[in-house]
Protein backbone atom coordinates (compact mmCIF):
# COMPACT_ATOMS: atom_id res chain seq x y z
CA MET A 1 16.53 -128.20 -134.54
CA LYS A 2 14.57 -125.53 -136.40
CA GLN A 3 15.78 -124.43 -139.69
CA ASP A 4 17.38 -121.31 -140.26
CA PRO A 5 14.72 -118.47 -140.93
CA ARG A 6 16.36 -116.95 -143.99
CA ALA A 7 16.43 -120.66 -145.38
CA ILE A 8 12.67 -120.81 -144.96
CA GLY A 9 11.86 -117.46 -146.75
CA ALA A 10 14.28 -118.49 -149.28
CA GLN A 11 12.62 -121.95 -149.95
CA ILE A 12 9.25 -120.13 -150.36
CA ARG A 13 10.41 -117.35 -152.98
CA MET A 14 12.30 -120.05 -155.17
CA ARG A 15 9.50 -122.24 -155.45
CA LEU A 16 6.84 -119.48 -156.27
CA PRO A 17 7.69 -119.06 -159.89
CA GLN A 18 6.64 -123.18 -160.28
CA LEU A 19 3.19 -122.58 -159.22
CA THR A 20 0.02 -122.21 -161.30
CA PRO A 21 -1.03 -118.34 -161.27
CA LEU A 22 -3.78 -119.08 -158.54
CA GLU A 23 -1.72 -121.39 -156.66
CA ARG A 24 0.97 -118.23 -156.59
CA ARG A 25 -1.91 -115.94 -155.49
CA VAL A 26 -3.07 -118.16 -152.74
CA ALA A 27 0.67 -118.84 -151.67
CA GLU A 28 1.36 -115.02 -151.79
CA ALA A 29 -1.80 -113.97 -149.69
CA ILE A 30 -0.87 -116.61 -146.78
CA ILE A 31 2.66 -115.49 -146.91
CA ALA A 32 1.62 -111.91 -146.35
CA ARG A 33 -0.42 -112.57 -143.09
CA THR A 34 1.48 -111.91 -140.14
CA ASP A 35 -1.03 -112.66 -137.70
CA ILE A 36 -0.73 -116.78 -138.61
CA THR A 37 -0.36 -118.81 -135.56
CA GLU A 38 -0.58 -122.52 -134.58
CA GLN A 39 -4.12 -121.82 -133.88
CA SER A 40 -4.40 -121.05 -137.22
CA SER A 41 -6.57 -123.90 -139.35
CA LEU A 42 -5.93 -125.54 -142.26
CA LYS A 43 -9.67 -124.91 -142.75
CA GLU A 44 -9.73 -121.33 -141.79
CA ILE A 45 -7.01 -120.31 -144.67
CA ALA A 46 -8.97 -122.26 -147.27
CA ARG A 47 -11.86 -120.64 -146.55
CA GLU A 48 -10.02 -117.08 -146.56
CA ASN A 49 -8.92 -117.98 -150.00
CA ASN A 50 -11.95 -119.26 -151.36
CA VAL A 51 -10.25 -122.94 -152.30
CA SER A 52 -10.55 -126.45 -151.02
CA GLU A 53 -8.31 -127.70 -147.65
CA ALA A 54 -6.51 -130.14 -150.44
CA MET A 55 -5.19 -126.91 -152.81
CA ILE A 56 -3.67 -125.41 -149.84
CA VAL A 57 -2.07 -128.78 -148.73
CA LYS A 58 -0.99 -128.89 -152.53
CA ILE A 59 0.48 -125.93 -152.40
CA THR A 60 2.30 -126.30 -149.33
CA LYS A 61 3.64 -129.96 -150.92
CA LYS A 62 5.07 -127.90 -153.85
CA LEU A 63 6.86 -125.17 -151.72
CA ASN A 64 8.93 -128.25 -150.02
CA PHE A 65 6.74 -128.76 -146.75
CA THR A 66 5.67 -132.39 -145.83
CA GLY A 67 2.20 -130.37 -145.24
CA PHE A 68 0.14 -127.34 -143.95
CA ARG A 69 1.38 -127.93 -140.41
CA HIS A 70 4.91 -127.83 -141.57
CA PHE A 71 3.85 -125.06 -143.69
CA ARG A 72 2.78 -123.03 -140.87
CA SER A 73 5.25 -123.38 -138.10
CA GLY A 74 7.91 -122.90 -140.61
CA LEU A 75 6.07 -119.46 -141.43
CA ILE A 76 5.89 -118.20 -138.15
CA TYR A 77 9.16 -118.92 -137.07
CA TYR A 78 10.12 -116.98 -140.19
CA ASN A 79 7.51 -113.81 -139.40
CA GLN A 80 9.06 -113.97 -136.26
CA SER A 81 12.52 -113.58 -136.95
CA GLU A 82 14.45 -110.53 -137.88
CA VAL A 83 15.18 -111.41 -141.68
CA ALA A 84 11.06 -111.15 -142.31
CA GLY A 85 11.40 -107.19 -142.01
CA LEU A 86 13.96 -107.41 -143.95
CA HIS A 87 12.71 -109.35 -146.93
CA ALA A 88 9.43 -107.52 -146.37
CA GLU A 89 10.90 -104.15 -147.61
CA ILE A 90 12.80 -105.17 -150.57
CA GLU A 91 11.04 -105.13 -153.93
CA PRO A 92 12.27 -106.55 -157.08
CA ASP A 93 12.75 -103.27 -158.78
CA ASP A 94 15.02 -102.24 -155.75
CA SER A 95 18.58 -101.35 -157.62
CA SER A 96 22.16 -102.44 -155.94
CA GLU A 97 21.97 -99.00 -153.59
CA GLN A 98 18.96 -99.50 -152.27
CA LEU A 99 19.40 -103.26 -151.52
CA LEU A 100 22.74 -102.17 -150.00
CA ALA A 101 20.93 -99.34 -147.47
CA LYS A 102 17.80 -101.51 -146.69
CA SER A 103 20.15 -104.48 -145.84
CA PHE A 104 22.20 -101.97 -143.79
CA GLN A 105 19.35 -99.92 -142.27
CA ASN A 106 17.76 -103.36 -141.13
CA LEU A 107 21.07 -105.00 -139.63
CA TYR A 108 22.21 -101.83 -137.96
CA PRO A 109 18.97 -99.79 -137.04
CA GLY A 110 18.98 -96.32 -135.55
CA ASP A 111 22.74 -95.68 -137.01
């Protein structure tokens, strides 16, 4: 059974502050990519971020995944979910009114 995509996003966001600045930069760069597929290799991701493959694995484990493949699968599932679009539009400094407006806009598009 697949994990709820909202839980995947929350799991990542909650653990980002626990990363070092370099780890956080790399994690945020990977998370920002919406083109990750099951074919995206650990080697490719490490090279794009100028870090070792071991660093990528370490980051994924700090984010509470068993390793890169588990993280990659979770991220793909999260990116394919509707909730990913909502999280992409919400900004940390949004007011309560902005949060409500964005939430309802994504729940009821076109209304």
